[in-house]
Amino acid sequence: RQVQGHLSHKRACVDPNDVVQESFLNIYRYPHRFFVDRADAF
């Protein structure tokens, strides 16, 4: 839903599902960059 909201303002042929998969890939590859300072940190 977040990706679809961002793409609604852009003129680009991008599959939202591809963006979601790439986002999860980035999260998976770099977990050491995540810091917990509050309950909604993620």
All heavy atoms as atom14 arrays in JSON, in Angstrom:
{
  "sequence": "RQVQGHLSHKRACVDPNDVVQESFLNIYRYPHRFFVDRADAF",
  "atom14_mask": [
    [1, 1, 1, 1, 1, 1, 1, 1, 1, 1, 1, 0, 0, 0],
    [1, 1, 1, 1, 1, 1, 1, 1, 1, 0, 0, 0, 0, 0],
    [1, 1, 1, 1, 1, 1, 1, 0, 0, 0, 0, 0, 0, 0],
    [1, 1, 1, 1, 1, 1, 1, 1, 1, 0, 0, 0, 0, 0],
    [1, 1, 1, 1, 0, 0, 0, 0, 0, 0, 0, 0, 0, 0],
    [1, 1, 1, 1, 1, 1, 1, 1, 1, 1, 0, 0, 0, 0],
    [1, 1, 1, 1, 1, 1, 1, 1, 0, 0, 0, 0, 0, 0],
    [1, 1, 1, 1, 1, 1, 0, 0, 0, 0, 0, 0, 0, 0],
    [1, 1, 1, 1, 1, 1, 1, 1, 1, 1, 0, 0, 0, 0],
    [1, 1, 1, 1, 1, 1, 1, 1, 1, 0, 0, 0, 0, 0],
    [1, 1, 1, 1, 1, 1, 1, 1, 1, 1, 1, 0, 0, 0],
    [1, 1, 1, 1, 1, 0, 0, 0, 0, 0, 0, 0, 0, 0],
    [1, 1, 1, 1, 1, 1, 0, 0, 0, 0, 0, 0, 0, 0],
    [1, 1, 1, 1, 1, 1, 1, 0, 0, 0, 0, 0, 0, 0],
    [1, 1, 1, 1, 1, 1, 1, 1, 0, 0, 0, 0, 0, 0],
    [1, 1, 1, 1, 1, 1, 1, 0, 0, 0, 0, 0, 0, 0],
    [1, 1, 1, 1, 1, 1, 1, 1, 0, 0, 0, 0, 0, 0],
    [1, 1, 1, 1, 1, 1, 1, 1, 0, 0, 0, 0, 0, 0],
    [1, 1, 1, 1, 1, 1, 1, 0, 0, 0, 0, 0, 0, 0],
    [1, 1, 1, 1, 1, 1, 1, 0, 0, 0, 0, 0, 0, 0],
    [1, 1, 1, 1, 1, 1, 1, 1, 1, 0, 0, 0, 0, 0],
    [1, 1, 1, 1, 1, 1, 1, 1, 1, 0, 0, 0, 0, 0],
    [1, 1, 1, 1, 1, 1, 0, 0, 0, 0, 0, 0, 0, 0],
    [1, 1, 1, 1, 1, 1, 1, 1, 1, 1, 1, 0, 0, 0],
    [1, 1, 1, 1, 1, 1, 1, 1, 0, 0, 0, 0, 0, 0],
    [1, 1, 1, 1, 1, 1, 1, 1, 0, 0, 0, 0, 0, 0],
    [1, 1, 1, 1, 1, 1, 1, 1, 0, 0, 0, 0, 0, 0],
    [1, 1, 1, 1, 1, 1, 1, 1, 1, 1, 1, 1, 0, 0],
    [1, 1, 1, 1, 1, 1, 1, 1, 1, 1, 1, 0, 0, 0],
    [1, 1, 1, 1, 1, 1, 1, 1, 1, 1, 1, 1, 0, 0],
    [1, 1, 1, 1, 1, 1, 1, 0, 0, 0, 0, 0, 0, 0],
    [1, 1, 1, 1, 1, 1, 1, 1, 1, 1, 0, 0, 0, 0],
    [1, 1, 1, 1, 1, 1, 1, 1, 1, 1, 1, 0, 0, 0],
    [1, 1, 1, 1, 1, 1, 1, 1, 1, 1, 1, 0, 0, 0],
    [1, 1, 1, 1, 1, 1, 1, 1, 1, 1, 1, 0, 0, 0],
    [1, 1, 1, 1, 1, 1, 1, 0, 0, 0, 0, 0, 0, 0],
    [1, 1, 1, 1, 1, 1, 1, 1, 0, 0, 0, 0, 0, 0],
    [1, 1, 1, 1, 1, 1, 1, 1, 1, 1, 1, 0, 0, 0],
    [1, 1, 1, 1, 1, 0, 0, 0, 0, 0, 0, 0, 0, 0],
    [1, 1, 1, 1, 1, 1, 1, 1, 0, 0, 0, 0, 0, 0],
    [1, 1, 1, 1, 1, 0, 0, 0, 0, 0, 0, 0, 0, 0],
    [1, 1, 1, 1, 1, 1, 1, 1, 1, 1, 1, 0, 0, 0]
  ],
  "atom14_positions": [
    [[0.83, -1.21, 0.0], [0.0, 0.0, 0.0], [0.86, 1.25, 0.0], [0.55, 2.25, -0.67], [-0.93, -0.01, 1.21], [-2.03, -1.06, 1.15], [-3.07, -0.81, 2.22], [-2.5, -0.94, 3.56], [-2.47, -2.05, 4.25], [-2.97, -3.18, 3.72], [-1.95, -2.1, 5.47], [0.0, 0.0, 0.0], [0.0, 0.0, 0.0], [0.0, 0.0, 0.0]],
    [[1.95, 1.22, 0.74], [2.84, 2.37, 0.78], [3.47, 2.62, -0.59], [3.53, 3.76, -1.06], [3.94, 2.14, 1.82], [4.92, 3.29, 1.94], [6.02, 3.0, 2.94], [5.86, 2.13, 3.81], [7.12, 3.7, 2.84], [0.0, 0.0, 0.0], [0.0, 0.0, 0.0], [0.0, 0.0, 0.0], [0.0, 0.0, 0.0], [0.0, 0.0, 0.0]],
    [[3.91, 1.55, -1.25], [4.52, 1.69, -2.57], [3.5, 2.22, -3.57], [3.8, 3.11, -4.39], [5.08, 0.33, -3.05], [5.49, 0.41, -4.51], [6.26, -0.07, -2.19], [0.0, 0.0, 0.0], [0.0, 0.0, 0.0], [0.0, 0.0, 0.0], [0.0, 0.0, 0.0], [0.0, 0.0, 0.0], [0.0, 0.0, 0.0], [0.0, 0.0, 0.0]],
    [[2.3, 1.7, -3.54], [1.26, 2.17, -4.46], [0.96, 3.65, -4.26], [0.71, 4.38, -5.22], [-0.01, 1.34, -4.28], [0.14, -0.11, -4.76], [-1.03, -0.98, -4.37], [-1.76, -0.68, -3.42], [-1.22, -2.09, -5.07], [0.0, 0.0, 0.0], [0.0, 0.0, 0.0], [0.0, 0.0, 0.0], [0.0, 0.0, 0.0], [0.0, 0.0, 0.0]],
    [[1.01, 4.1, -3.0], [0.81, 5.52, -2.74], [1.92, 6.37, -3.32], [1.67, 7.44, -3.89], [0.0, 0.0, 0.0], [0.0, 0.0, 0.0], [0.0, 0.0, 0.0], [0.0, 0.0, 0.0], [0.0, 0.0, 0.0], [0.0, 0.0, 0.0], [0.0, 0.0, 0.0], [0.0, 0.0, 0.0], [0.0, 0.0, 0.0], [0.0, 0.0, 0.0]],
    [[3.18, 5.91, -3.2], [4.3, 6.66, -3.77], [4.23, 6.68, -5.29], [4.48, 7.72, -5.92], [5.62, 6.03, -3.33], [5.94, 6.25, -1.88], [5.77, 7.46, -1.25], [6.44, 5.41, -0.93], [6.13, 7.37, 0.01], [6.54, 6.14, 0.24], [0.0, 0.0, 0.0], [0.0, 0.0, 0.0], [0.0, 0.0, 0.0], [0.0, 0.0, 0.0]],
    [[3.9, 5.55, -5.9], [3.9, 5.47, -7.36], [2.74, 6.23, -7.99], [2.79, 6.56, -9.17], [3.84, 4.0, -7.8], [5.09, 3.17, -7.52], [4.87, 1.72, -7.94], [6.31, 3.75, -8.24], [0.0, 0.0, 0.0], [0.0, 0.0, 0.0], [0.0, 0.0, 0.0], [0.0, 0.0, 0.0], [0.0, 0.0, 0.0], [0.0, 0.0, 0.0]],
    [[1.7, 6.5, -7.22], [0.56, 7.23, -7.78], [0.93, 8.65, -8.17], [0.24, 9.29, -8.97], [-0.6, 7.26, -6.77], [-0.22, 7.97, -5.6], [0.0, 0.0, 0.0], [0.0, 0.0, 0.0], [0.0, 0.0, 0.0], [0.0, 0.0, 0.0], [0.0, 0.0, 0.0], [0.0, 0.0, 0.0], [0.0, 0.0, 0.0], [0.0, 0.0, 0.0]],
    [[2.04, 9.17, -7.64], [2.48, 10.53, -7.95], [3.63, 10.54, -8.97], [4.2, 11.59, -9.24], [2.94, 11.24, -6.69], [1.9, 11.27, -5.61], [0.72, 11.98, -5.7], [1.84, 10.63, -4.4], [0.0, 11.81, -4.62], [0.64, 10.99, -3.81], [0.0, 0.0, 0.0], [0.0, 0.0, 0.0], [0.0, 0.0, 0.0], [0.0, 0.0, 0.0]],
    [[3.97, 9.36, -9.52], [5.1, 9.28, -10.43], [4.65, 8.69, -11.76], [3.8, 7.81, -11.8], [6.23, 8.42, -9.84], [6.77, 8.96, -8.53], [7.9, 8.11, -8.0], [8.42, 8.64, -6.68], [8.97, 10.0, -6.82], [0.0, 0.0, 0.0], [0.0, 0.0, 0.0], [0.0, 0.0, 0.0], [0.0, 0.0, 0.0], [0.0, 0.0, 0.0]],
    [[5.25, 9.19, -12.82], [4.96, 8.68, -14.17], [6.03, 7.67, -14.55], [6.95, 7.97, -15.29], [4.92, 9.82, -15.17], [3.81, 10.84, -14.91], [3.82, 11.94, -15.96], [2.74, 12.9, -15.72], [2.53, 13.98, -16.47], [3.34, 14.22, -17.51], [1.53, 14.79, -16.2], [0.0, 0.0, 0.0], [0.0, 0.0, 0.0], [0.0, 0.0, 0.0]],
    [[5.93, 6.51, -14.01], [6.92, 5.45, -14.29], [6.21, 4.11, -14.28], [5.32, 3.86, -13.46], [8.03, 5.47, -13.24], [0.0, 0.0, 0.0], [0.0, 0.0, 0.0], [0.0, 0.0, 0.0], [0.0, 0.0, 0.0], [0.0, 0.0, 0.0], [0.0, 0.0, 0.0], [0.0, 0.0, 0.0], [0.0, 0.0, 0.0], [0.0, 0.0, 0.0]],
    [[6.61, 3.25, -15.22], [6.03, 1.91, -15.31], [6.8, 0.97, -14.39], [7.74, 0.3, -14.82], [6.05, 1.42, -16.75], [5.05, 2.41, -17.89], [0.0, 0.0, 0.0], [0.0, 0.0, 0.0], [0.0, 0.0, 0.0], [0.0, 0.0, 0.0], [0.0, 0.0, 0.0], [0.0, 0.0, 0.0], [0.0, 0.0, 0.0], [0.0, 0.0, 0.0]],
    [[6.42, 0.94, -13.14], [7.08, 0.12, -12.14], [6.04, -0.77, -11.48], [4.97, -0.31, -11.08], [7.79, 0.99, -11.07], [8.46, 0.12, -10.03], [8.8, 1.92, -11.73], [0.0, 0.0, 0.0], [0.0, 0.0, 0.0], [0.0, 0.0, 0.0], [0.0, 0.0, 0.0], [0.0, 0.0, 0.0], [0.0, 0.0, 0.0], [0.0, 0.0, 0.0]],
    [[6.35, -2.05, -11.38], [5.46, -3.0, -10.71], [5.61, -2.82, -9.2], [6.7, -2.99, -8.66], [5.83, -4.43, -11.11], [4.8, -5.44, -10.61], [4.03, -5.1, -9.69], [4.79, -6.57, -11.12], [0.0, 0.0, 0.0], [0.0, 0.0, 0.0], [0.0, 0.0, 0.0], [0.0, 0.0, 0.0], [0.0, 0.0, 0.0], [0.0, 0.0, 0.0]],
    [[4.55, -2.47, -8.48], [4.65, -2.29, -7.03], [5.18, -3.52, -6.31], [5.9, -3.41, -5.32], [3.21, -1.97, -6.61], [2.57, -1.42, -7.84], [3.2, -2.15, -8.99], [0.0, 0.0, 0.0], [0.0, 0.0, 0.0], [0.0, 0.0, 0.0], [0.0, 0.0, 0.0], [0.0, 0.0, 0.0], [0.0, 0.0, 0.0], [0.0, 0.0, 0.0]],
    [[4.85, -4.71, -6.82], [5.33, -5.94, -6.18], [6.85, -6.06, -6.29], [7.51, -6.56, -5.38], [4.66, -7.16, -6.8], [3.19, -7.25, -6.45], [2.82, -7.53, -5.32], [2.34, -6.99, -7.42], [0.0, 0.0, 0.0], [0.0, 0.0, 0.0], [0.0, 0.0, 0.0], [0.0, 0.0, 0.0], [0.0, 0.0, 0.0], [0.0, 0.0, 0.0]],
    [[7.41, -5.59, -7.41], [8.86, -5.61, -7.55], [9.52, -4.68, -6.53], [10.58, -5.0, -5.97], [9.26, -5.17, -8.97], [8.86, -6.19, -10.02], [8.6, -7.36, -9.64], [8.81, -5.84, -11.21], [0.0, 0.0, 0.0], [0.0, 0.0, 0.0], [0.0, 0.0, 0.0], [0.0, 0.0, 0.0], [0.0, 0.0, 0.0], [0.0, 0.0, 0.0]],
    [[8.89, -3.54, -6.29], [9.44, -2.6, -5.31], [9.39, -3.21, -3.9], [10.33, -3.08, -3.12], [8.67, -1.27, -5.34], [9.26, -0.27, -4.33], [8.7, -0.67, -6.73], [0.0, 0.0, 0.0], [0.0, 0.0, 0.0], [0.0, 0.0, 0.0], [0.0, 0.0, 0.0], [0.0, 0.0, 0.0], [0.0, 0.0, 0.0], [0.0, 0.0, 0.0]],
    [[8.29, -3.88, -3.6], [8.16, -4.51, -2.27], [9.23, -5.58, -2.08], [9.88, -5.65, -1.04], [6.75, -5.12, -2.11], [6.66, -5.94, -0.82], [5.7, -4.01, -2.08], [0.0, 0.0, 0.0], [0.0, 0.0, 0.0], [0.0, 0.0, 0.0], [0.0, 0.0, 0.0], [0.0, 0.0, 0.0], [0.0, 0.0, 0.0], [0.0, 0.0, 0.0]],
    [[9.44, -6.42, -3.1], [10.45, -7.48, -2.98], [11.84, -6.88, -2.82], [12.65, -7.36, -2.02], [10.39, -8.38, -4.22], [9.09, -9.12, -4.42], [8.77, -10.08, -3.28], [9.65, -10.58, -2.61], [7.49, -10.32, -3.05], [0.0, 0.0, 0.0], [0.0, 0.0, 0.0], [0.0, 0.0, 0.0], [0.0, 0.0, 0.0], [0.0, 0.0, 0.0]],
    [[12.13, -5.83, -3.57], [13.44, -5.19, -3.46], [13.62, -4.55, -2.09], [14.72, -4.57, -1.52], [13.58, -4.12, -4.56], [14.94, -3.46, -4.62], [16.03, -4.39, -5.13], [15.68, -5.44, -5.73], [17.22, -4.09, -4.92], [0.0, 0.0, 0.0], [0.0, 0.0, 0.0], [0.0, 0.0, 0.0], [0.0, 0.0, 0.0], [0.0, 0.0, 0.0]],
    [[12.55, -4.0, -1.54], [12.62, -3.4, -0.21], [12.92, -4.46, 0.85], [13.78, -4.25, 1.73], [11.3, -2.69, 0.12], [11.03, -1.66, -0.8], [0.0, 0.0, 0.0], [0.0, 0.0, 0.0], [0.0, 0.0, 0.0], [0.0, 0.0, 0.0], [0.0, 0.0, 0.0], [0.0, 0.0, 0.0], [0.0, 0.0, 0.0], [0.0, 0.0, 0.0]],
    [[12.24, -5.6, 0.77], [12.52, -6.67, 1.73], [13.94, -7.21, 1.55], [14.6, -7.6, 2.52], [11.51, -7.8, 1.58], [10.24, -7.58, 2.36], [9.05, -7.32, 1.71], [10.25, -7.63, 3.74], [7.89, -7.1, 2.42], [9.09, -7.43, 4.46], [7.9, -7.16, 3.81], [0.0, 0.0, 0.0], [0.0, 0.0, 0.0], [0.0, 0.0, 0.0]],
    [[14.41, -7.24, 0.31], [15.78, -7.69, 0.07], [16.77, -6.75, 0.76], [17.73, -7.2, 1.38], [16.06, -7.75, -1.42], [17.48, -8.16, -1.83], [17.81, -9.55, -1.32], [17.62, -8.11, -3.35], [0.0, 0.0, 0.0], [0.0, 0.0, 0.0], [0.0, 0.0, 0.0], [0.0, 0.0, 0.0], [0.0, 0.0, 0.0], [0.0, 0.0, 0.0]],
    [[16.54, -5.45, 0.67], [17.42, -4.5, 1.34], [17.37, -4.65, 2.85], [18.4, -4.55, 3.54], [17.02, -3.07, 0.95], [17.32, -2.77, -0.5], [18.19, -3.39, -1.11], [16.59, -1.83, -1.08], [0.0, 0.0, 0.0], [0.0, 0.0, 0.0], [0.0, 0.0, 0.0], [0.0, 0.0, 0.0], [0.0, 0.0, 0.0], [0.0, 0.0, 0.0]],
    [[16.19, -4.91, 3.39], [16.07, -5.13, 4.83], [16.82, -6.38, 5.24], [17.52, -6.42, 6.26], [14.58, -5.22, 5.23], [13.91, -3.86, 5.06], [14.43, -5.71, 6.66], [12.4, -3.89, 5.26], [0.0, 0.0, 0.0], [0.0, 0.0, 0.0], [0.0, 0.0, 0.0], [0.0, 0.0, 0.0], [0.0, 0.0, 0.0], [0.0, 0.0, 0.0]],
    [[16.7, -7.43, 4.43], [17.34, -8.71, 4.75], [18.86, -8.61, 4.69], [19.56, -9.22, 5.5], [16.84, -9.78, 3.78], [17.13, -11.19, 4.21], [16.18, -11.94, 4.89], [18.37, -11.78, 3.96], [16.44, -13.23, 5.29], [18.64, -13.06, 4.36], [17.67, -13.8, 5.02], [17.96, -15.06, 5.42], [0.0, 0.0, 0.0], [0.0, 0.0, 0.0]],
    [[19.36, -7.85, 3.74], [20.8, -7.8, 3.53], [21.52, -6.95, 4.57], [22.69, -7.17, 4.85], [21.09, -7.24, 2.13], [20.71, -8.19, 1.02], [20.57, -7.48, -0.29], [21.82, -6.91, -0.74], [21.91, -6.13, -1.83], [20.84, -5.82, -2.51], [23.08, -5.67, -2.21], [0.0, 0.0, 0.0], [0.0, 0.0, 0.0], [0.0, 0.0, 0.0]],
    [[20.83, -5.97, 5.15], [21.51, -5.03, 6.02], [20.8, -4.88, 7.37], [20.44, -3.77, 7.78], [21.63, -3.68, 5.33], [22.36, -3.78, 4.01], [21.64, -3.77, 2.81], [23.73, -3.91, 3.95], [22.3, -3.9, 1.59], [24.39, -4.04, 2.74], [23.67, -4.03, 1.58], [24.32, -4.15, 0.39], [0.0, 0.0, 0.0], [0.0, 0.0, 0.0]],
    [[20.59, -5.96, 8.1], [19.92, -5.84, 9.4], [20.76, -5.09, 10.43], [20.22, -4.54, 11.39], [19.7, -7.3, 9.82], [20.77, -8.06, 9.1], [20.96, -7.35, 7.79], [0.0, 0.0, 0.0], [0.0, 0.0, 0.0], [0.0, 0.0, 0.0], [0.0, 0.0, 0.0], [0.0, 0.0, 0.0], [0.0, 0.0, 0.0], [0.0, 0.0, 0.0]],
    [[22.07, -5.07, 10.24], [22.94, -4.4, 11.22], [22.73, -2.9, 11.23], [23.16, -2.22, 12.17], [24.4, -4.7, 10.9], [24.83, -4.24, 9.54], [24.55, -4.98, 8.39], [25.49, -3.13, 9.13], [25.04, -4.32, 7.33], [25.61, -3.2, 7.76], [0.0, 0.0, 0.0], [0.0, 0.0, 0.0], [0.0, 0.0, 0.0], [0.0, 0.0, 0.0]],
    [[22.02, -2.35, 10.25], [21.76, -0.92, 10.2], [20.48, -0.54, 10.95], [20.1, 0.63, 10.97], [21.66, -0.45, 8.75], [22.89, -0.8, 7.92], [22.73, -0.36, 6.48], [22.85, 1.08, 6.36], [24.01, 1.72, 6.19], [25.13, 1.04, 6.16], [24.05, 3.02, 6.08], [0.0, 0.0, 0.0], [0.0, 0.0, 0.0], [0.0, 0.0, 0.0]],
    [[19.85, -1.54, 11.57], [18.61, -1.29, 12.32], [18.93, -1.05, 13.79], [19.62, -1.85, 14.43], [17.67, -2.49, 12.18], [16.41, -2.38, 13.0], [15.45, -1.44, 12.7], [16.21, -3.22, 14.08], [14.3, -1.34, 13.45], [15.06, -3.14, 14.84], [14.1, -2.18, 14.52], [0.0, 0.0, 0.0], [0.0, 0.0, 0.0], [0.0, 0.0, 0.0]],
    [[18.41, 0.03, 14.34], [18.63, 0.38, 15.74], [17.27, 0.52, 16.43], [16.35, 1.12, 15.89], [19.42, 1.68, 15.87], [20.8, 1.6, 15.27], [21.03, 2.06, 13.99], [21.85, 1.05, 15.99], [22.3, 1.98, 13.42], [23.12, 0.97, 15.44], [23.34, 1.43, 14.16], [0.0, 0.0, 0.0], [0.0, 0.0, 0.0], [0.0, 0.0, 0.0]],
    [[17.18, -0.04, 17.62], [15.93, -0.04, 18.37], [16.02, 1.01, 19.47], [16.8, 0.88, 20.42], [15.65, -1.42, 18.99], [14.33, -1.4, 19.74], [15.62, -2.49, 17.9], [0.0, 0.0, 0.0], [0.0, 0.0, 0.0], [0.0, 0.0, 0.0], [0.0, 0.0, 0.0], [0.0, 0.0, 0.0], [0.0, 0.0, 0.0], [0.0, 0.0, 0.0]],
    [[15.23, 2.07, 19.33], [15.17, 3.09, 20.37], [13.74, 3.32, 20.86], [13.53, 4.07, 21.81], [15.76, 4.41, 19.87], [15.1, 4.88, 18.57], [14.25, 4.13, 18.04], [15.43, 5.99, 18.11], [0.0, 0.0, 0.0], [0.0, 0.0, 0.0], [0.0, 0.0, 0.0], [0.0, 0.0, 0.0], [0.0, 0.0, 0.0], [0.0, 0.0, 0.0]],
    [[12.78, 2.68, 20.2], [11.39, 2.8, 20.64], [10.6, 1.63, 20.04], [11.12, 0.89, 19.21], [10.78, 4.13, 20.19], [10.82, 4.36, 18.69], [10.33, 5.76, 18.32], [10.22, 5.93, 16.88], [11.21, 6.28, 16.1], [12.41, 6.5, 16.62], [11.01, 6.43, 14.79], [0.0, 0.0, 0.0], [0.0, 0.0, 0.0], [0.0, 0.0, 0.0]],
    [[9.35, 1.51, 20.47], [8.55, 0.35, 20.06], [8.21, 0.36, 18.58], [8.03, -0.71, 17.99], [7.25, 0.31, 20.88], [0.0, 0.0, 0.0], [0.0, 0.0, 0.0], [0.0, 0.0, 0.0], [0.0, 0.0, 0.0], [0.0, 0.0, 0.0], [0.0, 0.0, 0.0], [0.0, 0.0, 0.0], [0.0, 0.0, 0.0], [0.0, 0.0, 0.0]],
    [[8.13, 1.53, 17.96], [7.79, 1.59, 16.53], [9.02, 1.88, 15.67], [8.9, 2.47, 14.59], [6.72, 2.65, 16.28], [7.17, 4.05, 16.68], [8.2, 4.16, 17.39], [6.51, 5.02, 16.3], [0.0, 0.0, 0.0], [0.0, 0.0, 0.0], [0.0, 0.0, 0.0], [0.0, 0.0, 0.0], [0.0, 0.0, 0.0], [0.0, 0.0, 0.0]],
    [[10.2, 1.47, 16.13], [11.44, 1.75, 15.39], [11.42, 1.13, 14.0], [11.89, 1.75, 13.04], [12.65, 1.23, 16.19], [0.0, 0.0, 0.0], [0.0, 0.0, 0.0], [0.0, 0.0, 0.0], [0.0, 0.0, 0.0], [0.0, 0.0, 0.0], [0.0, 0.0, 0.0], [0.0, 0.0, 0.0], [0.0, 0.0, 0.0], [0.0, 0.0, 0.0]],
    [[10.88, -0.06, 13.88], [10.87, -0.71, 12.56], [10.0, 0.05, 11.57], [10.34, 0.12, 10.38], [10.38, -2.16, 12.68], [10.29, -2.87, 11.36], [11.43, -3.39, 10.75], [9.07, -3.02, 10.71], [11.35, -4.04, 9.53], [8.99, -3.66, 9.48], [10.14, -4.18, 8.9], [0.0, 0.0, 0.0], [0.0, 0.0, 0.0], [0.0, 0.0, 0.0]]
  ]
}
